[in-house]
PDB file of N, CA and C in Angstrom:
ATOM      1  N   UNK A   1     -25.887 -30.325  37.500  1.00  0.00           N
ATOM      2  CA  UNK A   1     -25.154 -29.436  38.385  1.00  0.00           C
ATOM      3  C   UNK A   1     -23.827 -30.078  38.772  1.00  0.00           C
ATOM      4  N   UNK A   2     -22.858 -29.276  39.124  1.00  0.00           N
ATOM      5  CA  UNK A   2     -21.522 -29.739  39.443  1.00  0.00           C
ATOM      6  C   UNK A   2     -21.494 -30.194  40.901  1.00  0.00           C
ATOM      7  N   UNK A   3     -20.750 -31.253  41.190  1.00  0.00           N
ATOM      8  CA  UNK A   3     -20.629 -31.752  42.557  1.00  0.00           C
ATOM      9  C   UNK A   3     -19.922 -30.721  43.427  1.00  0.00           C
ATOM     10  N   UNK A   4     -20.308 -30.648  44.715  1.00  0.00           N
ATOM     11  CA  UNK A   4     -19.748 -29.644  45.624  1.00  0.00           C
ATOM     12  C   UNK A   4     -18.238 -29.750  45.772  1.00  0.00           C
ATOM     13  N   UNK A   5     -17.675 -30.942  45.672  1.00  0.00           N
ATOM     14  CA  UNK A   5     -16.238 -31.105  45.815  1.00  0.00           C
ATOM     15  C   UNK A   5     -15.446 -30.442  44.711  1.00  0.00           C
ATOM     16  N   UNK A   6     -16.092 -30.128  43.607  1.00  0.00           N
ATOM     17  CA  UNK A   6     -15.386 -29.540  42.472  1.00  0.00           C
ATOM     18  C   UNK A   6     -15.661 -28.046  42.324  1.00  0.00           C
ATOM     19  N   UNK A   7     -16.521 -27.474  43.160  1.00  0.00           N
ATOM     20  CA  UNK A   7     -16.816 -26.045  43.053  1.00  0.00           C
ATOM     21  C   UNK A   7     -15.821 -25.244  43.876  1.00  0.00           C
ATOM     22  N   UNK A   8     -15.468 -24.068  43.374  1.00  0.00           N
ATOM     23  CA  UNK A   8     -14.469 -23.231  44.041  1.00  0.00           C
ATOM     24  C   UNK A   8     -14.921 -21.785  44.065  1.00  0.00           C
ATOM     25  N   UNK A   9     -14.445 -21.059  45.064  1.00  0.00           N
ATOM     26  CA  UNK A   9     -14.577 -19.614  45.086  1.00  0.00           C
ATOM     27  C   UNK A   9     -13.284 -19.082  44.486  1.00  0.00           C
ATOM     28  N   UNK A  10     -13.392 -18.458  43.320  1.00  0.00           N
ATOM     29  CA  UNK A  10     -12.210 -18.052  42.555  1.00  0.00           C
ATOM     30  C   UNK A  10     -12.148 -16.534  42.479  1.00  0.00           C
ATOM     31  N   UNK A  11     -10.973 -15.969  42.762  1.00  0.00           N
ATOM     32  CA  UNK A  11     -10.725 -14.547  42.552  1.00  0.00           C
ATOM     33  C   UNK A  11     -10.010 -14.425  41.221  1.00  0.00           C
ATOM     34  N   UNK A  12     -10.608 -13.661  40.317  1.00  0.00           N
ATOM     35  CA  UNK A  12     -10.047 -13.500  38.965  1.00  0.00           C
ATOM     36  C   UNK A  12      -9.686 -12.050  38.710  1.00  0.00           C
ATOM     37  N   UNK A  13      -8.667 -11.861  37.864  1.00  0.00           N
ATOM     38  CA  UNK A  13      -8.238 -10.528  37.459  1.00  0.00           C
ATOM     39  C   UNK A  13      -8.123 -10.493  35.937  1.00  0.00           C
ATOM     40  N   UNK A  14      -8.628  -9.411  35.348  1.00  0.00           N
ATOM     41  CA  UNK A  14      -8.583  -9.259  33.890  1.00  0.00           C
ATOM     42  C   UNK A  14      -7.162  -8.970  33.450  1.00  0.00           C
ATOM     43  N   UNK A  15      -6.780  -9.539  32.305  1.00  0.00           N
ATOM     44  CA  UNK A  15      -5.438  -9.310  31.772  1.00  0.00           C
ATOM     45  C   UNK A  15      -5.328  -7.975  31.034  1.00  0.00           C
ATOM     46  N   UNK A  16      -6.475  -7.350  30.704  1.00  0.00           N
ATOM     47  CA  UNK A  16      -6.450  -6.111  29.932  1.00  0.00           C
ATOM     48  C   UNK A  16      -6.847  -4.908  30.787  1.00  0.00           C
ATOM     49  N   UNK A  17      -8.057  -4.940  31.344  1.00  0.00           N
ATOM     50  CA  UNK A  17      -8.525  -3.801  32.147  1.00  0.00           C
ATOM     51  C   UNK A  17      -8.209  -4.034  33.622  1.00  0.00           C
ATOM     52  N   UNK A  18      -8.680  -3.191  34.510  1.00  0.00           N
ATOM     53  CA  UNK A  18      -8.361  -3.255  35.933  1.00  0.00           C
ATOM     54  C   UNK A  18      -9.381  -4.057  36.741  1.00  0.00           C
ATOM     55  N   UNK A  19     -10.270  -4.784  36.105  1.00  0.00           N
ATOM     56  CA  UNK A  19     -11.319  -5.517  36.817  1.00  0.00           C
ATOM     57  C   UNK A  19     -10.739  -6.669  37.622  1.00  0.00           C
ATOM     58  N   UNK A  20     -11.279  -6.849  38.851  1.00  0.00           N
ATOM     59  CA  UNK A  20     -10.967  -8.007  39.682  1.00  0.00           C
ATOM     60  C   UNK A  20     -12.228  -8.344  40.456  1.00  0.00           C
ATOM     61  N   UNK A  21     -12.556  -9.636  40.544  1.00  0.00           N
ATOM     62  CA  UNK A  21     -13.760 -10.037  41.255  1.00  0.00           C
ATOM     63  C   UNK A  21     -13.731 -11.494  41.657  1.00  0.00           C
ATOM     64  N   UNK A  22     -14.705 -11.860  42.499  1.00  0.00           N
ATOM     65  CA  UNK A  22     -14.830 -13.235  42.966  1.00  0.00           C
ATOM     66  C   UNK A  22     -16.087 -13.848  42.394  1.00  0.00           C
ATOM     67  N   UNK A  23     -16.011 -15.136  42.113  1.00  0.00           N
ATOM     68  CA  UNK A  23     -17.180 -15.865  41.639  1.00  0.00           C
ATOM     69  C   UNK A  23     -17.030 -17.330  41.975  1.00  0.00           C
ATOM     70  N   UNK A  24     -18.155 -18.031  42.023  1.00  0.00           N
ATOM     71  CA  UNK A  24     -18.154 -19.470  42.259  1.00  0.00           C
ATOM     72  C   UNK A  24     -18.195 -20.143  40.904  1.00  0.00           C
ATOM     73  N   UNK A  25     -17.256 -21.052  40.677  1.00  0.00           N
ATOM     74  CA  UNK A  25     -17.206 -21.732  39.383  1.00  0.00           C
ATOM     75  C   UNK A  25     -16.623 -23.122  39.548  1.00  0.00           C
ATOM     76  N   UNK A  26     -16.727 -23.908  38.507  1.00  0.00           N
ATOM     77  CA  UNK A  26     -16.197 -25.268  38.510  1.00  0.00           C
ATOM     78  C   UNK A  26     -14.674 -25.223  38.469  1.00  0.00           C
ATOM     79  N   UNK A  27     -14.047 -26.247  39.017  1.00  0.00           N
ATOM     80  CA  UNK A  27     -12.591 -26.326  39.006  1.00  0.00           C
ATOM     81  C   UNK A  27     -12.099 -26.395  37.567  1.00  0.00           C
ATOM     82  N   UNK A  28     -11.113 -25.584  37.238  1.00  0.00           N
ATOM     83  CA  UNK A  28     -10.535 -25.597  35.909  1.00  0.00           C
ATOM     84  C   UNK A  28     -11.279 -24.756  34.882  1.00  0.00           C
ATOM     85  N   UNK A  29     -12.362 -24.108  35.253  1.00  0.00           N
ATOM     86  CA  UNK A  29     -13.111 -23.274  34.305  1.00  0.00           C
ATOM     87  C   UNK A  29     -12.319 -22.008  34.006  1.00  0.00           C
ATOM     88  N   UNK A  30     -12.432 -21.533  32.791  1.00  0.00           N
ATOM     89  CA  UNK A  30     -11.747 -20.316  32.389  1.00  0.00           C
ATOM     90  C   UNK A  30     -12.808 -19.355  31.867  1.00  0.00           C
ATOM     91  N   UNK A  31     -12.951 -18.195  32.504  1.00  0.00           N
ATOM     92  CA  UNK A  31     -14.004 -17.257  32.112  1.00  0.00           C
ATOM     93  C   UNK A  31     -13.406 -15.950  31.634  1.00  0.00           C
ATOM     94  N   UNK A  32     -14.219 -15.193  30.945  1.00  0.00           N
ATOM     95  CA  UNK A  32     -13.804 -13.895  30.419  1.00  0.00           C
ATOM     96  C   UNK A  32     -14.226 -12.779  31.366  1.00  0.00           C
ATOM     97  N   UNK A  33     -13.603 -11.627  31.200  1.00  0.00           N
ATOM     98  CA  UNK A  33     -13.900 -10.444  31.985  1.00  0.00           C
ATOM     99  C   UNK A  33     -15.325  -9.975  31.680  1.00  0.00           C
ATOM    100  N   UNK A  34     -16.133  -9.652  32.688  1.00  0.00           N
ATOM    101  CA  UNK A  34     -17.486  -9.183  32.418  1.00  0.00           C
ATOM    102  C   UNK A  34     -17.522  -7.775  31.824  1.00  0.00           C
ATOM    103  N   UNK A  35     -16.442  -7.001  31.936  1.00  0.00           N
ATOM    104  CA  UNK A  35     -16.421  -5.646  31.399  1.00  0.00           C
ATOM    105  C   UNK A  35     -15.936  -5.595  29.962  1.00  0.00           C
ATOM    106  N   UNK A  36     -14.739  -6.150  29.711  1.00  0.00           N
ATOM    107  CA  UNK A  36     -14.156  -6.011  28.375  1.00  0.00           C
ATOM    108  C   UNK A  36     -14.100  -7.332  27.618  1.00  0.00           C
ATOM    109  N   UNK A  37     -14.535  -8.429  28.218  1.00  0.00           N
ATOM    110  CA  UNK A  37     -14.584  -9.763  27.609  1.00  0.00           C
ATOM    111  C   UNK A  37     -13.209 -10.289  27.201  1.00  0.00           C
ATOM    112  N   UNK A  38     -12.162  -9.781  27.844  1.00  0.00           N
ATOM    113  CA  UNK A  38     -10.813 -10.294  27.618  1.00  0.00           C
ATOM    114  C   UNK A  38     -10.584 -11.499  28.534  1.00  0.00           C
ATOM    115  N   UNK A  39      -9.555 -12.298  28.265  1.00  0.00           N
ATOM    116  CA  UNK A  39      -9.268 -13.428  29.147  1.00  0.00           C
ATOM    117  C   UNK A  39      -8.874 -12.953  30.548  1.00  0.00           C
ATOM    118  N   UNK A  40      -9.168 -13.768  31.539  1.00  0.00           N
ATOM    119  CA  UNK A  40      -8.811 -13.448  32.919  1.00  0.00           C
ATOM    120  C   UNK A  40      -7.835 -14.490  33.440  1.00  0.00           C
ATOM    121  N   UNK A  41      -7.148 -14.148  34.543  1.00  0.00           N
ATOM    122  CA  UNK A  41      -6.280 -15.122  35.187  1.00  0.00           C
ATOM    123  C   UNK A  41      -6.774 -15.333  36.608  1.00  0.00           C
ATOM    124  N   UNK A  42      -6.545 -16.524  37.109  1.00  0.00           N
ATOM    125  CA  UNK A  42      -6.957 -16.890  38.457  1.00  0.00           C
ATOM    126  C   UNK A  42      -5.921 -16.373  39.453  1.00  0.00           C
ATOM    127  N   UNK A  43      -6.348 -15.523  40.371  1.00  0.00           N
ATOM    128  CA  UNK A  43      -5.461 -14.988  41.398  1.00  0.00           C
ATOM    129  C   UNK A  43      -5.444 -15.922  42.605  1.00  0.00           C
ATOM    130  N   UNK A  44      -6.633 -16.440  42.977  1.00  0.00           N
ATOM    131  CA  UNK A  44      -6.754 -17.299  44.144  1.00  0.00           C
ATOM    132  C   UNK A  44      -7.969 -18.187  43.981  1.00  0.00           C
ATOM    133  N   UNK A  45      -7.880 -19.427  44.412  1.00  0.00           N
ATOM    134  CA  UNK A  45      -9.005 -20.356  44.348  1.00  0.00           C
ATOM    135  C   UNK A  45      -9.103 -21.110  45.668  1.00  0.00           C
ATOM    136  N   UNK A  46     -10.316 -21.154  46.234  1.00  0.00           N
ATOM    137  CA  UNK A  46     -10.562 -21.855  47.498  1.00  0.00           C
ATOM    138  C   UNK A  46     -11.709 -22.821  47.270  1.00  0.00           C
ATOM    139  N   UNK A  47     -11.479 -24.089  47.591  1.00  0.00           N
ATOM    140  CA  UNK A  47     -12.538 -25.090  47.437  1.00  0.00           C
ATOM    141  C   UNK A  47     -13.663 -24.779  48.413  1.00  0.00           C
ATOM    142  N   UNK A  48     -14.900 -24.820  47.963  1.00  0.00           N
ATOM    143  CA  UNK A  48     -16.031 -24.477  48.817  1.00  0.00           C
ATOM    144  C   UNK A  48     -16.233 -25.486  49.936  1.00  0.00           C
ATOM    145  N   UNK A  49     -15.947 -26.740  49.707  1.00  0.00           N
ATOM    146  CA  UNK A  49     -16.117 -27.746  50.755  1.00  0.00           C
ATOM    147  C   UNK A  49     -15.203 -27.433  51.938  1.00  0.00           C
ATOM    148  N   UNK A  50     -14.003 -26.907  51.714  1.00  0.00           N
ATOM    149  CA  UNK A  50     -13.090 -26.548  52.786  1.00  0.00           C
ATOM    150  C   UNK A  50     -13.545 -25.277  53.489  1.00  0.00           C
ATOM    151  N   UNK A  51     -14.187 -24.391  52.786  1.00  0.00           N
ATOM    152  CA  UNK A  51     -14.639 -23.135  53.372  1.00  0.00           C
ATOM    153  C   UNK A  51     -15.821 -23.330  54.312  1.00  0.00           C
ATOM    154  N   UNK A  52     -16.701 -24.246  53.988  1.00  0.00           N
ATOM    155  CA  UNK A  52     -17.928 -24.388  54.760  1.00  0.00           C
ATOM    156  C   UNK A  52     -17.725 -24.982  56.141  1.00  0.00           C
ATOM    157  N   UNK A  53     -16.938 -26.025  56.253  1.00  0.00           N
ATOM    158  CA  UNK A  53     -16.818 -26.740  57.517  1.00  0.00           C
ATOM    159  C   UNK A  53     -15.351 -26.901  57.886  1.00  0.00           C
ATOM    160  N   UNK A  54     -14.944 -26.401  59.059  1.00  0.00           N
ATOM    161  CA  UNK A  54     -13.559 -26.587  59.478  1.00  0.00           C
ATOM    162  C   UNK A  54     -13.239 -28.067  59.658  1.00  0.00           C
ATOM    163  N   UNK A  55     -12.001 -28.431  59.434  1.00  0.00           N
ATOM    164  CA  UNK A  55     -11.575 -29.823  59.557  1.00  0.00           C
ATOM    165  C   UNK A  55     -11.643 -30.244  61.017  1.00  0.00           C
ATOM    166  N   UNK A  56     -12.172 -31.446  61.266  1.00  0.00           N
ATOM    167  CA  UNK A  56     -12.194 -31.992  62.605  1.00  0.00           C
ATOM    168  C   UNK A  56     -13.427 -31.663  63.418  1.00  0.00           C
ATOM    169  N   UNK A  57     -14.356 -30.855  62.908  1.00  0.00           N
ATOM    170  CA  UNK A  57     -15.560 -30.521  63.651  1.00  0.00           C
ATOM    171  C   UNK A  57     -16.670 -31.467  63.229  1.00  0.00           C
ATOM    172  N   UNK A  58     -17.183 -32.196  64.184  1.00  0.00           N
ATOM    173  CA  UNK A  58     -18.268 -33.119  63.918  1.00  0.00           C
ATOM    174  C   UNK A  58     -19.594 -32.374  64.050  1.00  0.00           C
ATOM    175  N   UNK A  59     -20.480 -32.572  63.105  1.00  0.00           N
ATOM    176  CA  UNK A  59     -21.788 -31.919  63.134  1.00  0.00           C
ATOM    177  C   UNK A  59     -22.566 -32.388  64.360  1.00  0.00           C
ATOM    178  N   UNK A  60     -22.460 -33.669  64.675  1.00  0.00           N
ATOM    179  CA  UNK A  60     -23.204 -34.213  65.810  1.00  0.00           C
ATOM    180  C   UNK A  60     -22.664 -33.669  67.134  1.00  0.00           C
ATOM    181  N   UNK A  61     -21.347 -33.569  67.256  1.00  0.00           N
ATOM    182  CA  UNK A  61     -20.753 -33.035  68.484  1.00  0.00           C
ATOM    183  C   UNK A  61     -21.126 -31.563  68.665  1.00  0.00           C
ATOM    184  N   UNK A  62     -21.160 -30.803  67.589  1.00  0.00           N
ATOM    185  CA  UNK A  62     -21.536 -29.397  67.670  1.00  0.00           C
ATOM    186  C   UNK A  62     -22.984 -29.248  68.121  1.00  0.00           C
ATOM    187  N   UNK A  63     -23.866 -30.109  67.625  1.00  0.00           N
ATOM    188  CA  UNK A  63     -25.277 -30.056  68.019  1.00  0.00           C
ATOM    189  C   UNK A  63     -25.435 -30.391  69.499  1.00  0.00           C
ATOM    190  N   UNK A  64     -24.703 -31.385  69.980  1.00  0.00           N
ATOM    191  CA  UNK A  64     -24.782 -31.734  71.397  1.00  0.00           C
ATOM    192  C   UNK A  64     -24.257 -30.594  72.270  1.00  0.00           C
ATOM    193  N   UNK A  65     -23.193 -29.956  71.843  1.00  0.00           N
ATOM    194  CA  UNK A  65     -22.644 -28.829  72.591  1.00  0.00           C
ATOM    195  C   UNK A  65     -23.623 -27.678  72.671  1.00  0.00           C
ATOM    196  N   UNK A  66     -24.333 -27.412  71.582  1.00  0.00           N
ATOM    197  CA  UNK A  66     -25.349 -26.357  71.581  1.00  0.00           C
ATOM    198  C   UNK A  66     -26.456 -26.681  72.564  1.00  0.00           C
ATOM    199  N   UNK A  67     -26.890 -27.939  72.576  1.00  0.00           N
ATOM    200  CA  UNK A  67     -27.969 -28.332  73.491  1.00  0.00           C
ATOM    201  C   UNK A  67     -27.554 -28.128  74.933  1.00  0.00           C
ATOM    202  N   UNK A  68     -26.335 -28.522  75.282  1.00  0.00           N
ATOM    203  CA  UNK A  68     -25.855 -28.335  76.644  1.00  0.00           C
ATOM    204  C   UNK A  68     -25.681 -26.871  76.993  1.00  0.00           C
ATOM    205  N   UNK A  69     -25.239 -26.072  76.028  1.00  0.00           N
ATOM    206  CA  UNK A  69     -25.031 -24.649  76.263  1.00  0.00           C
ATOM    207  C   UNK A  69     -26.322 -23.903  76.517  1.00  0.00           C
ATOM    208  N   UNK A  70     -27.421 -24.376  75.971  1.00  0.00           N
ATOM    209  CA  UNK A  70     -28.697 -23.723  76.178  1.00  0.00           C
ATOM    210  C   UNK A  70     -29.196 -23.911  77.609  1.00  0.00           C
ATOM    211  N   UNK A  71     -28.804 -25.003  78.225  1.00  0.00           N
ATOM    212  CA  UNK A  71     -29.222 -25.266  79.605  1.00  0.00           C
ATOM    213  C   UNK A  71     -28.438 -24.377  80.564  1.00  0.00           C
ATOM    214  N   UNK A  72     -27.135 -24.390  80.415  1.00  0.00           N
ATOM    215  CA  UNK A  72     -26.215 -23.498  81.106  1.00  0.00           C
ATOM    216  C   UNK A  72     -26.430 -23.285  82.583  1.00  0.00           C
ATOM    217  N   UNK A  73     -26.514 -22.007  82.985  1.00  0.00           N
ATOM    218  CA  UNK A  73     -26.565 -21.630  84.385  1.00  0.00           C
ATOM    219  C   UNK A  73     -27.825 -22.069  85.100  1.00  0.00           C
ATOM    220  N   UNK A  74     -28.931 -22.152  84.390  1.00  0.00           N
ATOM    221  CA  UNK A  74     -30.178 -22.566  85.048  1.00  0.00           C
ATOM    222  C   UNK A  74     -30.080 -23.987  85.564  1.00  0.00           C
ATOM    223  N   UNK A  75     -29.515 -24.884  84.768  1.00  0.00           N
ATOM    224  CA  UNK A  75     -29.369 -26.278  85.202  1.00  0.00           C
ATOM    225  C   UNK A  75     -28.389 -26.365  86.372  1.00  0.00           C
ATOM    226  N   UNK A  76     -27.322 -25.568  86.319  1.00  0.00           N
ATOM    227  CA  UNK A  76     -26.347 -25.573  87.411  1.00  0.00           C
ATOM    228  C   UNK A  76     -26.980 -25.044  88.689  1.00  0.00           C
ATOM    229  N   UNK A  77     -27.738 -23.961  88.595  1.00  0.00           N
ATOM    230  CA  UNK A  77     -28.377 -23.384  89.771  1.00  0.00           C
ATOM    231  C   UNK A  77     -29.395 -24.347  90.376  1.00  0.00           C
ATOM    232  N   UNK A  78     -30.118 -25.054  89.536  1.00  0.00           N
ATOM    233  CA  UNK A  78     -31.115 -26.008  90.039  1.00  0.00           C
ATOM    234  C   UNK A  78     -30.446 -27.169  90.769  1.00  0.00           C
ATOM    235  N   UNK A  79     -29.226 -27.515  90.384  1.00  0.00           N
ATOM    236  CA  UNK A  79     -28.538 -28.637  91.002  1.00  0.00           C
ATOM    237  C   UNK A  79     -27.870 -28.253  92.319  1.00  0.00           C
ATOM    238  N   UNK A  80     -27.634 -26.950  92.556  1.00  0.00           N
ATOM    239  CA  UNK A  80     -26.943 -26.509  93.772  1.00  0.00           C
ATOM    240  C   UNK A  80     -27.923 -26.315  94.919  1.00  0.00           C
ATOM    241  N   UNK A  81     -27.466 -26.559  96.142  1.00  0.00           N
ATOM    242  CA  UNK A  81     -28.316 -26.253  97.297  1.00  0.00           C
ATOM    243  C   UNK A  81     -28.429 -24.734  97.482  1.00  0.00           C
ATOM    244  N   UNK A  82     -29.444 -24.299  98.180  1.00  0.00           N
ATOM    245  CA  UNK A  82     -29.719 -22.868  98.358  1.00  0.00           C
ATOM    246  C   UNK A  82     -28.553 -22.150  99.035  1.00  0.00           C
ATOM    247  N   UNK A  83     -27.913 -22.777 100.008  1.00  0.00           N
ATOM    248  CA  UNK A  83     -26.807 -22.147 100.723  1.00  0.00           C
ATOM    249  C   UNK A  83     -25.637 -21.863  99.778  1.00  0.00           C
ATOM    250  N   UNK A  84     -25.319 -22.794  98.877  1.00  0.00           N
ATOM    251  CA  UNK A  84     -24.210 -22.597  97.933  1.00  0.00           C
ATOM    252  C   UNK A  84     -24.558 -21.505  96.918  1.00  0.00           C
ATOM    253  N   UNK A  85     -25.812 -21.477  96.469  1.00  0.00           N
ATOM    254  CA  UNK A  85     -26.234 -20.408  95.539  1.00  0.00           C
ATOM    255  C   UNK A  85     -26.067 -19.043  96.200  1.00  0.00           C
ATOM    256  N   UNK A  86     -26.394 -18.969  97.493  1.00  0.00           N
ATOM    257  CA  UNK A  86     -26.263 -17.713  98.215  1.00  0.00           C
ATOM    258  C   UNK A  86     -24.798 -17.296  98.312  1.00  0.00           C
ATOM    259  N   UNK A  87     -23.890 -18.237  98.603  1.00  0.00           N
ATOM    260  CA  UNK A  87     -22.455 -17.943  98.669  1.00  0.00           C
ATOM    261  C   UNK A  87     -21.943 -17.405  97.335  1.00  0.00           C
ATOM    262  N   UNK A  88     -22.360 -18.044  96.251  1.00  0.00           N
ATOM    263  CA  UNK A  88     -21.927 -17.611  94.921  1.00  0.00           C
ATOM    264  C   UNK A  88     -22.423 -16.197  94.635  1.00  0.00           C
ATOM    265  N   UNK A  89     -23.672 -15.907  94.996  1.00  0.00           N
ATOM    266  CA  UNK A  89     -24.239 -14.573  94.776  1.00  0.00           C
ATOM    267  C   UNK A  89     -23.497 -13.526  95.604  1.00  0.00           C
ATOM    268  N   UNK A  90     -23.128 -13.866  96.853  1.00  0.00           N
ATOM    269  CA  UNK A  90     -22.398 -12.924  97.694  1.00  0.00           C
ATOM    270  C   UNK A  90     -21.005 -12.639  97.122  1.00  0.00           C
ATOM    271  N   UNK A  91     -20.316 -13.678  96.637  1.00  0.00           N
ATOM    272  CA  UNK A  91     -18.989 -13.465  96.034  1.00  0.00           C
ATOM    273  C   UNK A  91     -19.098 -12.572  94.796  1.00  0.00           C
ATOM    274  N   UNK A  92     -20.138 -12.779  94.002  1.00  0.00           N
ATOM    275  CA  UNK A  92     -20.322 -11.959  92.804  1.00  0.00           C
ATOM    276  C   UNK A  92     -20.590 -10.509  93.183  1.00  0.00           C
ATOM    277  N   UNK A  93     -21.400 -10.288  94.216  1.00  0.00           N
ATOM    278  CA  UNK A  93     -21.699  -8.921  94.654  1.00  0.00           C
ATOM    279  C   UNK A  93     -20.441  -8.242  95.180  1.00  0.00           C
ATOM    280  N   UNK A  94     -19.628  -8.972  95.943  1.00  0.00           N
ATOM    281  CA  UNK A  94     -18.373  -8.395  96.448  1.00  0.00           C
ATOM    282  C   UNK A  94     -17.443  -8.011  95.295  1.00  0.00           C
ATOM    283  N   UNK A  95     -17.374  -8.866  94.294  1.00  0.00           N
ATOM    284  CA  UNK A  95     -16.519  -8.569  93.137  1.00  0.00           C
ATOM    285  C   UNK A  95     -17.008  -7.330  92.401  1.00  0.00           C
ATOM    286  N   UNK A  96     -18.326  -7.203  92.235  1.00  0.00           N
ATOM    287  CA  UNK A  96     -18.877  -6.018  91.556  1.00  0.00           C
ATOM    288  C   UNK A  96     -18.583  -4.749  92.347  1.00  0.00           C
ATOM    289  N   UNK A  97     -18.809  -4.797  93.650  1.00  0.00           N
ATOM    290  CA  UNK A  97     -18.596  -3.619  94.479  1.00  0.00           C
ATOM    291  C   UNK A  97     -17.119  -3.254  94.587  1.00  0.00           C
ATOM    292  N   UNK A  98     -16.232  -4.247  94.584  1.00  0.00           N
ATOM    293  CA  UNK A  98     -14.811  -3.926  94.658  1.00  0.00           C
ATOM    294  C   UNK A  98     -14.347  -3.241  93.371  1.00  0.00           C
ATOM    295  N   UNK A  99     -14.878  -3.650  92.235  1.00  0.00           N
ATOM    296  CA  UNK A  99     -14.536  -2.978  90.967  1.00  0.00           C
ATOM    297  C   UNK A  99     -15.040  -1.552  90.970  1.00  0.00           C
ATOM    298  N   UNK A 100     -16.234  -1.357  91.496  1.00  0.00           N
ATOM    299  CA  UNK A 100     -16.814  -0.012  91.536  1.00  0.00           C
ATOM    300  C   UNK A 100     -16.006   0.891  92.467  1.00  0.00           C
ATOM    301  N   UNK A 101     -15.574   0.346  93.618  1.00  0.00           N
ATOM    302  CA  UNK A 101     -14.790   1.133  94.564  1.00  0.00           C
ATOM    303  C   UNK A 101     -13.454   1.544  93.946  1.00  0.00           C
ATOM    304  N   UNK A 102     -12.817   0.641  93.207  1.00  0.00           N
ATOM    305  CA  UNK A 102     -11.553   0.977  92.560  1.00  0.00           C
ATOM    306  C   UNK A 102     -11.768   2.068  91.502  1.00  0.00           C
ATOM    307  N   UNK A 103     -12.864   1.952  90.765  1.00  0.00           N
ATOM    308  CA  UNK A 103     -13.141   2.913  89.713  1.00  0.00           C
ATOM    309  C   UNK A 103     -13.438   4.299  90.282  1.00  0.00           C
ATOM    310  N   UNK A 104     -14.170   4.344  91.416  1.00  0.00           N
ATOM    311  CA  UNK A 104     -14.559   5.627  91.998  1.00  0.00           C
ATOM    312  C   UNK A 104     -13.495   6.211  92.906  1.00  0.00           C
ATOM    313  N   UNK A 105     -12.378   5.540  93.037  1.00  0.00           N
ATOM    314  CA  UNK A 105     -11.286   6.083  93.848  1.00  0.00           C
ATOM    315  C   UNK A 105     -11.369   5.691  95.312  1.00  0.00           C
ATOM    316  N   UNK A 106     -12.039   4.601  95.627  1.00  0.00           N
ATOM    317  CA  UNK A 106     -12.086   4.130  97.014  1.00  0.00           C
ATOM    318  C   UNK A 106     -13.307   4.602  97.777  1.00  0.00           C
ATOM    319  N   UNK A 107     -14.087   5.516  97.241  1.00  0.00           N
ATOM    320  CA  UNK A 107     -15.290   5.985  97.940  1.00  0.00           C
ATOM    321  C   UNK A 107     -16.409   4.988  97.743  1.00  0.00           C
ATOM    322  N   UNK A 108     -17.126   4.682  98.817  1.00  0.00           N
ATOM    323  CA  UNK A 108     -18.245   3.735  98.717  1.00  0.00           C
ATOM    324  C   UNK A 108     -19.564   4.412  98.914  1.00  0.00           C
TER     325      UNK A 108
END
């Protein structure tokens, strides 16, 4: 099998008929049209290694971020005292009701 660094997603167009398509192939490979078996030309080629993982993103950092994101609001709520949780809930309720009042034209 070909190493991942050499595989590409290639968009090819037939030189004779109107066929155009994408396929995964080795770098530098030249294939024929699946319809008329005429030679094709490469319109665009993207290395698969570049497509899979954006540059600068660490797999380990992404996993840690996911773990922290799963804890989210529950961990924050558990760390806050009851009085602060109540204040936050009251502010949220006021914000919801103020949006509703604006939408309904000021009637409560």
